[in-house]
Amino acid sequence: MGNDSNTISLCVGDIVYDTVSGEIGILLSRVVRSPDKEPYPYSRMPSGFVLYAWRVWWVPPDDTLYTESGLVGMIESGRLILYKNI
């Protein structure tokens, strides 16, 4: 996927619609994990590696954590439709 995550900008409050399940998700918060600042299991990642993830609240209720690149990939593939928070 290369640098594609720079073409889609995700923000708190954005809504995603799952075209397969029909569920709706709201992006609640962005989580940043780094082996330099986090305990195990993140300490096993290479130094300098940073993992970006999003906490998503789904309807029906479900609080799930997705990697940012995973969300972007699902948006680009058409699995999720992104509705920007204005």
PDB file of N, CA and C in Angstrom:
ATOM      1  N   MET A   1       0.818  -1.180   0.000  1.00  0.00           N
ATOM      2  CA  MET A   1       0.000   0.000   0.000  1.00  0.00           C
ATOM      3  C   MET A   1       0.864   1.246   0.000  1.00  0.00           C
ATOM      4  N   GLY A   2       2.082   1.134   0.343  1.00  0.00           N
ATOM      5  CA  GLY A   2       3.013   2.240   0.249  1.00  0.00           C
ATOM      6  C   GLY A   2       2.628   3.432   1.096  1.00  0.00           C
ATOM      7  N   ASN A   3       2.566   4.597   0.480  1.00  0.00           N
ATOM      8  CA  ASN A   3       2.300   5.842   1.185  1.00  0.00           C
ATOM      9  C   ASN A   3       0.837   6.245   1.107  1.00  0.00           C
ATOM     10  N   ASP A   4      -0.066   5.300   0.789  1.00  0.00           N
ATOM     11  CA  ASP A   4      -1.471   5.615   0.589  1.00  0.00           C
ATOM     12  C   ASP A   4      -2.137   6.182   1.829  1.00  0.00           C
ATOM     13  N   SER A   5      -1.627   5.861   3.036  1.00  0.00           N
ATOM     14  CA  SER A   5      -2.261   6.357   4.247  1.00  0.00           C
ATOM     15  C   SER A   5      -2.210   7.874   4.318  1.00  0.00           C
ATOM     16  N   ASN A   6      -1.357   8.516   3.501  1.00  0.00           N
ATOM     17  CA  ASN A   6      -1.290   9.970   3.484  1.00  0.00           C
ATOM     18  C   ASN A   6      -2.398  10.580   2.633  1.00  0.00           C
ATOM     19  N   THR A   7      -3.050   9.783   1.767  1.00  0.00           N
ATOM     20  CA  THR A   7      -4.085  10.315   0.900  1.00  0.00           C
ATOM     21  C   THR A   7      -5.448  10.343   1.588  1.00  0.00           C
ATOM     22  N   ILE A   8      -5.650   9.532   2.607  1.00  0.00           N
ATOM     23  CA  ILE A   8      -6.890   9.522   3.372  1.00  0.00           C
ATOM     24  C   ILE A   8      -6.567  10.017   4.773  1.00  0.00           C
ATOM     25  N   SER A   9      -7.236  11.089   5.162  1.00  0.00           N
ATOM     26  CA  SER A   9      -7.009  11.670   6.469  1.00  0.00           C
ATOM     27  C   SER A   9      -8.154  11.282   7.399  1.00  0.00           C
ATOM     28  N   LEU A  10      -7.829  10.555   8.467  1.00  0.00           N
ATOM     29  CA  LEU A  10      -8.829  10.139   9.442  1.00  0.00           C
ATOM     30  C   LEU A  10      -8.806  11.083  10.631  1.00  0.00           C
ATOM     31  N   CYS A  11      -9.988  11.402  11.174  1.00  0.00           N
ATOM     32  CA  CYS A  11     -10.107  12.317  12.301  1.00  0.00           C
ATOM     33  C   CYS A  11     -11.120  11.784  13.309  1.00  0.00           C
ATOM     34  N   VAL A  12     -10.947  12.185  14.560  1.00  0.00           N
ATOM     35  CA  VAL A  12     -11.917  11.846  15.595  1.00  0.00           C
ATOM     36  C   VAL A  12     -13.285  12.353  15.154  1.00  0.00           C
ATOM     37  N   GLY A  13     -14.301  11.497  15.284  1.00  0.00           N
ATOM     38  CA  GLY A  13     -15.657  11.865  14.907  1.00  0.00           C
ATOM     39  C   GLY A  13     -16.049  11.433  13.508  1.00  0.00           C
ATOM     40  N   ASP A  14     -15.058  11.018  12.689  1.00  0.00           N
ATOM     41  CA  ASP A  14     -15.391  10.506  11.364  1.00  0.00           C
ATOM     42  C   ASP A  14     -16.239   9.241  11.520  1.00  0.00           C
ATOM     43  N   ILE A  15     -17.101   9.010  10.547  1.00  0.00           N
ATOM     44  CA  ILE A  15     -17.985   7.847  10.564  1.00  0.00           C
ATOM     45  C   ILE A  15     -17.601   6.943   9.398  1.00  0.00           C
ATOM     46  N   VAL A  16     -17.575   5.637   9.658  1.00  0.00           N
ATOM     47  CA  VAL A  16     -17.338   4.657   8.603  1.00  0.00           C
ATOM     48  C   VAL A  16     -18.547   3.732   8.521  1.00  0.00           C
ATOM     49  N   TYR A  17     -18.906   3.370   7.295  1.00  0.00           N
ATOM     50  CA  TYR A  17     -20.018   2.458   7.050  1.00  0.00           C
ATOM     51  C   TYR A  17     -19.456   1.193   6.432  1.00  0.00           C
ATOM     52  N   ASP A  18     -19.740   0.037   7.052  1.00  0.00           N
ATOM     53  CA  ASP A  18     -19.272  -1.255   6.553  1.00  0.00           C
ATOM     54  C   ASP A  18     -20.263  -1.748   5.505  1.00  0.00           C
ATOM     55  N   THR A  19     -19.827  -1.803   4.249  1.00  0.00           N
ATOM     56  CA  THR A  19     -20.711  -2.174   3.145  1.00  0.00           C
ATOM     57  C   THR A  19     -21.082  -3.651   3.160  1.00  0.00           C
ATOM     58  N   VAL A  20     -20.368  -4.477   3.914  1.00  0.00           N
ATOM     59  CA  VAL A  20     -20.668  -5.910   3.979  1.00  0.00           C
ATOM     60  C   VAL A  20     -21.641  -6.208   5.116  1.00  0.00           C
ATOM     61  N   SER A  21     -21.346  -5.711   6.323  1.00  0.00           N
ATOM     62  CA  SER A  21     -22.176  -6.031   7.485  1.00  0.00           C
ATOM     63  C   SER A  21     -23.299  -5.014   7.710  1.00  0.00           C
ATOM     64  N   GLY A  22     -23.174  -3.822   7.123  1.00  0.00           N
ATOM     65  CA  GLY A  22     -24.158  -2.771   7.335  1.00  0.00           C
ATOM     66  C   GLY A  22     -23.971  -2.018   8.640  1.00  0.00           C
ATOM     67  N   GLU A  23     -22.891  -2.303   9.360  1.00  0.00           N
ATOM     68  CA  GLU A  23     -22.641  -1.634  10.631  1.00  0.00           C
ATOM     69  C   GLU A  23     -22.050  -0.244  10.408  1.00  0.00           C
ATOM     70  N   ILE A  24     -22.261   0.626  11.374  1.00  0.00           N
ATOM     71  CA  ILE A  24     -21.737   1.988  11.340  1.00  0.00           C
ATOM     72  C   ILE A  24     -20.760   2.145  12.497  1.00  0.00           C
ATOM     73  N   GLY A  25     -19.595   2.743  12.226  1.00  0.00           N
ATOM     74  CA  GLY A  25     -18.585   2.960  13.254  1.00  0.00           C
ATOM     75  C   GLY A  25     -18.207   4.425  13.359  1.00  0.00           C
ATOM     76  N   ILE A  26     -17.884   4.855  14.573  1.00  0.00           N
ATOM     77  CA  ILE A  26     -17.422   6.218  14.818  1.00  0.00           C
ATOM     78  C   ILE A  26     -15.990   6.157  15.332  1.00  0.00           C
ATOM     79  N   LEU A  27     -15.085   6.910  14.722  1.00  0.00           N
ATOM     80  CA  LEU A  27     -13.696   6.953  15.169  1.00  0.00           C
ATOM     81  C   LEU A  27     -13.617   7.767  16.452  1.00  0.00           C
ATOM     82  N   LEU A  28     -13.260   7.099  17.563  1.00  0.00           N
ATOM     83  CA  LEU A  28     -13.254   7.731  18.878  1.00  0.00           C
ATOM     84  C   LEU A  28     -11.925   8.375  19.237  1.00  0.00           C
ATOM     85  N   SER A  29     -10.818   7.658  18.972  1.00  0.00           N
ATOM     86  CA  SER A  29      -9.506   8.191  19.351  1.00  0.00           C
ATOM     87  C   SER A  29      -8.418   7.499  18.557  1.00  0.00           C
ATOM     88  N   ARG A  30      -7.329   8.231  18.341  1.00  0.00           N
ATOM     89  CA  ARG A  30      -6.148   7.686  17.671  1.00  0.00           C
ATOM     90  C   ARG A  30      -5.156   7.265  18.746  1.00  0.00           C
ATOM     91  N   VAL A  31      -4.624   6.066  18.590  1.00  0.00           N
ATOM     92  CA  VAL A  31      -3.684   5.505  19.551  1.00  0.00           C
ATOM     93  C   VAL A  31      -2.328   5.379  18.862  1.00  0.00           C
ATOM     94  N   VAL A  32      -1.278   5.806  19.533  1.00  0.00           N
ATOM     95  CA  VAL A  32       0.075   5.693  18.992  1.00  0.00           C
ATOM     96  C   VAL A  32       0.872   4.777  19.905  1.00  0.00           C
ATOM     97  N   ARG A  33       1.475   3.744  19.332  1.00  0.00           N
ATOM     98  CA  ARG A  33       2.280   2.800  20.106  1.00  0.00           C
ATOM     99  C   ARG A  33       3.705   2.800  19.558  1.00  0.00           C
ATOM    100  N   SER A  34       4.665   2.822  20.471  1.00  0.00           N
ATOM    101  CA  SER A  34       6.076   2.834  20.101  1.00  0.00           C
ATOM    102  C   SER A  34       6.846   1.963  21.086  1.00  0.00           C
ATOM    103  N   PRO A  35       7.791   1.150  20.600  1.00  0.00           N
ATOM    104  CA  PRO A  35       8.561   0.303  21.511  1.00  0.00           C
ATOM    105  C   PRO A  35       9.427   1.102  22.466  1.00  0.00           C
ATOM    106  N   ASP A  36       9.716   2.350  22.106  1.00  0.00           N
ATOM    107  CA  ASP A  36      10.560   3.188  22.960  1.00  0.00           C
ATOM    108  C   ASP A  36       9.810   3.688  24.198  1.00  0.00           C
ATOM    109  N   LYS A  37       8.458   3.654  24.148  1.00  0.00           N
ATOM    110  CA  LYS A  37       7.667   4.210  25.245  1.00  0.00           C
ATOM    111  C   LYS A  37       6.657   3.231  25.833  1.00  0.00           C
ATOM    112  N   GLU A  38       6.528   2.053  25.240  1.00  0.00           N
ATOM    113  CA  GLU A  38       5.491   1.112  25.652  1.00  0.00           C
ATOM    114  C   GLU A  38       6.093  -0.168  26.219  1.00  0.00           C
ATOM    115  N   PRO A  39       5.412  -0.780  27.154  1.00  0.00           N
ATOM    116  CA  PRO A  39       5.845  -2.076  27.680  1.00  0.00           C
ATOM    117  C   PRO A  39       5.539  -3.196  26.686  1.00  0.00           C
ATOM    118  N   TYR A  40       5.911  -4.416  27.042  1.00  0.00           N
ATOM    119  CA  TYR A  40       5.597  -5.598  26.246  1.00  0.00           C
ATOM    120  C   TYR A  40       4.122  -5.602  25.898  1.00  0.00           C
ATOM    121  N   PRO A  41       3.648  -5.984  24.722  1.00  0.00           N
ATOM    122  CA  PRO A  41       4.399  -6.599  23.628  1.00  0.00           C
ATOM    123  C   PRO A  41       5.034  -5.601  22.674  1.00  0.00           C
ATOM    124  N   TYR A  42       4.757  -4.283  22.867  1.00  0.00           N
ATOM    125  CA  TYR A  42       5.284  -3.290  21.947  1.00  0.00           C
ATOM    126  C   TYR A  42       6.800  -3.179  22.041  1.00  0.00           C
ATOM    127  N   SER A  43       7.374  -3.540  23.185  1.00  0.00           N
ATOM    128  CA  SER A  43       8.820  -3.458  23.352  1.00  0.00           C
ATOM    129  C   SER A  43       9.539  -4.439  22.433  1.00  0.00           C
ATOM    130  N   ARG A  44       8.816  -5.396  21.837  1.00  0.00           N
ATOM    131  CA  ARG A  44       9.431  -6.370  20.930  1.00  0.00           C
ATOM    132  C   ARG A  44       9.494  -5.849  19.499  1.00  0.00           C
ATOM    133  N   MET A  45       8.917  -4.676  19.226  1.00  0.00           N
ATOM    134  CA  MET A  45       8.976  -4.084  17.897  1.00  0.00           C
ATOM    135  C   MET A  45      10.337  -3.418  17.718  1.00  0.00           C
ATOM    136  N   PRO A  46      10.797  -3.276  16.473  1.00  0.00           N
ATOM    137  CA  PRO A  46      12.080  -2.611  16.233  1.00  0.00           C
ATOM    138  C   PRO A  46      12.061  -1.176  16.744  1.00  0.00           C
ATOM    139  N   SER A  47      13.188  -0.718  17.247  1.00  0.00           N
ATOM    140  CA  SER A  47      13.309   0.657  17.733  1.00  0.00           C
ATOM    141  C   SER A  47      12.977   1.625  16.601  1.00  0.00           C
ATOM    142  N   GLY A  48      12.243   2.663  16.922  1.00  0.00           N
ATOM    143  CA  GLY A  48      11.859   3.638  15.913  1.00  0.00           C
ATOM    144  C   GLY A  48      10.557   3.311  15.212  1.00  0.00           C
ATOM    145  N   PHE A  49      10.049   2.093  15.381  1.00  0.00           N
ATOM    146  CA  PHE A  49       8.784   1.683  14.770  1.00  0.00           C
ATOM    147  C   PHE A  49       7.635   2.325  15.532  1.00  0.00           C
ATOM    148  N   VAL A  50       6.670   2.879  14.810  1.00  0.00           N
ATOM    149  CA  VAL A  50       5.499   3.484  15.428  1.00  0.00           C
ATOM    150  C   VAL A  50       4.255   2.867  14.804  1.00  0.00           C
ATOM    151  N   LEU A  51       3.318   2.436  15.646  1.00  0.00           N
ATOM    152  CA  LEU A  51       2.073   1.835  15.193  1.00  0.00           C
ATOM    153  C   LEU A  51       0.936   2.797  15.506  1.00  0.00           C
ATOM    154  N   TYR A  52       0.187   3.178  14.476  1.00  0.00           N
ATOM    155  CA  TYR A  52      -0.974   4.039  14.650  1.00  0.00           C
ATOM    156  C   TYR A  52      -2.223   3.182  14.565  1.00  0.00           C
ATOM    157  N   ALA A  53      -3.152   3.390  15.489  1.00  0.00           N
ATOM    158  CA  ALA A  53      -4.401   2.630  15.496  1.00  0.00           C
ATOM    159  C   ALA A  53      -5.540   3.561  15.883  1.00  0.00           C
ATOM    160  N   TRP A  54      -6.756   3.123  15.592  1.00  0.00           N
ATOM    161  CA  TRP A  54      -7.956   3.894  15.914  1.00  0.00           C
ATOM    162  C   TRP A  54      -8.907   3.054  16.735  1.00  0.00           C
ATOM    163  N   ARG A  55      -9.448   3.643  17.792  1.00  0.00           N
ATOM    164  CA  ARG A  55     -10.511   3.009  18.566  1.00  0.00           C
ATOM    165  C   ARG A  55     -11.813   3.390  17.869  1.00  0.00           C
ATOM    166  N   VAL A  56     -12.579   2.364  17.478  1.00  0.00           N
ATOM    167  CA  VAL A  56     -13.822   2.565  16.734  1.00  0.00           C
ATOM    168  C   VAL A  56     -14.981   2.012  17.556  1.00  0.00           C
ATOM    169  N   TRP A  57     -16.032   2.807  17.698  1.00  0.00           N
ATOM    170  CA  TRP A  57     -17.257   2.346  18.361  1.00  0.00           C
ATOM    171  C   TRP A  57     -18.249   1.995  17.260  1.00  0.00           C
ATOM    172  N   TRP A  58     -18.634   0.706  17.232  1.00  0.00           N
ATOM    173  CA  TRP A  58     -19.542   0.195  16.208  1.00  0.00           C
ATOM    174  C   TRP A  58     -20.961   0.112  16.737  1.00  0.00           C
ATOM    175  N   VAL A  59     -21.932   0.292  15.844  1.00  0.00           N
ATOM    176  CA  VAL A  59     -23.340   0.073  16.146  1.00  0.00           C
ATOM    177  C   VAL A  59     -23.767  -1.106  15.293  1.00  0.00           C
ATOM    178  N   PRO A  60     -24.200  -2.241  15.873  1.00  0.00           N
ATOM    179  CA  PRO A  60     -24.475  -2.456  17.287  1.00  0.00           C
ATOM    180  C   PRO A  60     -23.198  -2.340  18.121  1.00  0.00           C
ATOM    181  N   PRO A  61     -23.374  -2.026  19.437  1.00  0.00           N
ATOM    182  CA  PRO A  61     -22.239  -1.687  20.306  1.00  0.00           C
ATOM    183  C   PRO A  61     -21.090  -2.692  20.295  1.00  0.00           C
ATOM    184  N   ASP A  62     -19.923  -2.151  19.979  1.00  0.00           N
ATOM    185  CA  ASP A  62     -18.683  -2.919  19.991  1.00  0.00           C
ATOM    186  C   ASP A  62     -17.533  -1.933  19.909  1.00  0.00           C
ATOM    187  N   ASP A  63     -16.635  -1.970  20.884  1.00  0.00           N
ATOM    188  CA  ASP A  63     -15.467  -1.091  20.930  1.00  0.00           C
ATOM    189  C   ASP A  63     -14.272  -1.884  20.413  1.00  0.00           C
ATOM    190  N   THR A  64     -13.726  -1.487  19.260  1.00  0.00           N
ATOM    191  CA  THR A  64     -12.681  -2.259  18.601  1.00  0.00           C
ATOM    192  C   THR A  64     -11.518  -1.355  18.226  1.00  0.00           C
ATOM    193  N   LEU A  65     -10.304  -1.918  18.225  1.00  0.00           N
ATOM    194  CA  LEU A  65      -9.099  -1.194  17.842  1.00  0.00           C
ATOM    195  C   LEU A  65      -8.623  -1.719  16.485  1.00  0.00           C
ATOM    196  N   TYR A  66      -8.424  -0.800  15.520  1.00  0.00           N
ATOM    197  CA  TYR A  66      -7.943  -1.155  14.181  1.00  0.00           C
ATOM    198  C   TYR A  66      -6.668  -0.381  13.899  1.00  0.00           C
ATOM    199  N   THR A  67      -5.735  -0.982  13.166  1.00  0.00           N
ATOM    200  CA  THR A  67      -4.569  -0.214  12.741  1.00  0.00           C
ATOM    201  C   THR A  67      -5.031   0.822  11.720  1.00  0.00           C
ATOM    202  N   GLU A  68      -4.343   1.947  11.685  1.00  0.00           N
ATOM    203  CA  GLU A  68      -4.695   3.007  10.740  1.00  0.00           C
ATOM    204  C   GLU A  68      -4.558   2.512   9.305  1.00  0.00           C
ATOM    205  N   SER A  69      -3.486   1.762   9.034  1.00  0.00           N
ATOM    206  CA  SER A  69      -3.306   1.266   7.662  1.00  0.00           C
ATOM    207  C   SER A  69      -4.397   0.265   7.293  1.00  0.00           C
ATOM    208  N   GLY A  70      -4.897  -0.499   8.266  1.00  0.00           N
ATOM    209  CA  GLY A  70      -5.994  -1.429   8.011  1.00  0.00           C
ATOM    210  C   GLY A  70      -7.276  -0.692   7.655  1.00  0.00           C
ATOM    211  N   LEU A  71      -7.590   0.372   8.405  1.00  0.00           N
ATOM    212  CA  LEU A  71      -8.776   1.181   8.098  1.00  0.00           C
ATOM    213  C   LEU A  71      -8.657   1.816   6.719  1.00  0.00           C
ATOM    214  N   VAL A  72      -7.494   2.397   6.427  1.00  0.00           N
ATOM    215  CA  VAL A  72      -7.281   3.040   5.129  1.00  0.00           C
ATOM    216  C   VAL A  72      -7.431   2.006   4.016  1.00  0.00           C
ATOM    217  N   GLY A  73      -6.885   0.820   4.206  1.00  0.00           N
ATOM    218  CA  GLY A  73      -7.004  -0.236   3.200  1.00  0.00           C
ATOM    219  C   GLY A  73      -8.449  -0.639   2.957  1.00  0.00           C
ATOM    220  N   MET A  74      -9.240  -0.730   4.027  1.00  0.00           N
ATOM    221  CA  MET A  74     -10.652  -1.086   3.873  1.00  0.00           C
ATOM    222  C   MET A  74     -11.445   0.033   3.200  1.00  0.00           C
ATOM    223  N   ILE A  75     -11.063   1.288   3.439  1.00  0.00           N
ATOM    224  CA  ILE A  75     -11.714   2.411   2.765  1.00  0.00           C
ATOM    225  C   ILE A  75     -11.370   2.398   1.278  1.00  0.00           C
ATOM    226  N   GLU A  76     -10.088   2.217   0.963  1.00  0.00           N
ATOM    227  CA  GLU A  76      -9.646   2.204  -0.437  1.00  0.00           C
ATOM    228  C   GLU A  76     -10.240   1.038  -1.221  1.00  0.00           C
ATOM    229  N   SER A  77     -10.471  -0.098  -0.543  1.00  0.00           N
ATOM    230  CA  SER A  77     -11.018  -1.267  -1.236  1.00  0.00           C
ATOM    231  C   SER A  77     -12.537  -1.198  -1.389  1.00  0.00           C
ATOM    232  N   GLY A  78     -13.166  -0.244  -0.706  1.00  0.00           N
ATOM    233  CA  GLY A  78     -14.609  -0.124  -0.790  1.00  0.00           C
ATOM    234  C   GLY A  78     -15.356  -0.882   0.296  1.00  0.00           C
ATOM    235  N   ARG A  79     -14.642  -1.596   1.148  1.00  0.00           N
ATOM    236  CA  ARG A  79     -15.292  -2.316   2.263  1.00  0.00           C
ATOM    237  C   ARG A  79     -15.939  -1.312   3.214  1.00  0.00           C
ATOM    238  N   LEU A  80     -15.211  -0.210   3.516  1.00  0.00           N
ATOM    239  CA  LEU A  80     -15.758   0.835   4.365  1.00  0.00           C
ATOM    240  C   LEU A  80     -15.945   2.112   3.539  1.00  0.00           C
ATOM    241  N   ILE A  81     -17.016   2.830   3.818  1.00  0.00           N
ATOM    242  CA  ILE A  81     -17.232   4.156   3.226  1.00  0.00           C
ATOM    243  C   ILE A  81     -16.988   5.167   4.343  1.00  0.00           C
ATOM    244  N   LEU A  82     -16.135   6.163   4.061  1.00  0.00           N
ATOM    245  CA  LEU A  82     -15.767   7.179   5.044  1.00  0.00           C
ATOM    246  C   LEU A  82     -16.636   8.419   4.878  1.00  0.00           C
ATOM    247  N   TYR A  83     -17.257   8.828   5.982  1.00  0.00           N
ATOM    248  CA  TYR A  83     -18.011  10.081   6.029  1.00  0.00           C
ATOM    249  C   TYR A  83     -17.272  10.996   7.004  1.00  0.00           C
ATOM    250  N   LYS A  84     -16.719  12.078   6.475  1.00  0.00           N
ATOM    251  CA  LYS A  84     -15.898  12.984   7.268  1.00  0.00           C
ATOM    252  C   LYS A  84     -16.739  13.772   8.252  1.00  0.00           C
ATOM    253  N   ASN A  85     -16.197  13.959   9.459  1.00  0.00           N
ATOM    254  CA  ASN A  85     -16.799  14.807  10.472  1.00  0.00           C
ATOM    255  C   ASN A  85     -16.525  16.248  10.080  1.00  0.00           C
ATOM    256  N   ILE A  86     -17.538  17.043   9.999  1.00  0.00           N
ATOM    257  CA  ILE A  86     -17.365  18.444   9.557  1.00  0.00           C
ATOM    258  C   ILE A  86     -17.089  19.320  10.760  1.00  0.00           C
TER     259      ILE A  86
END
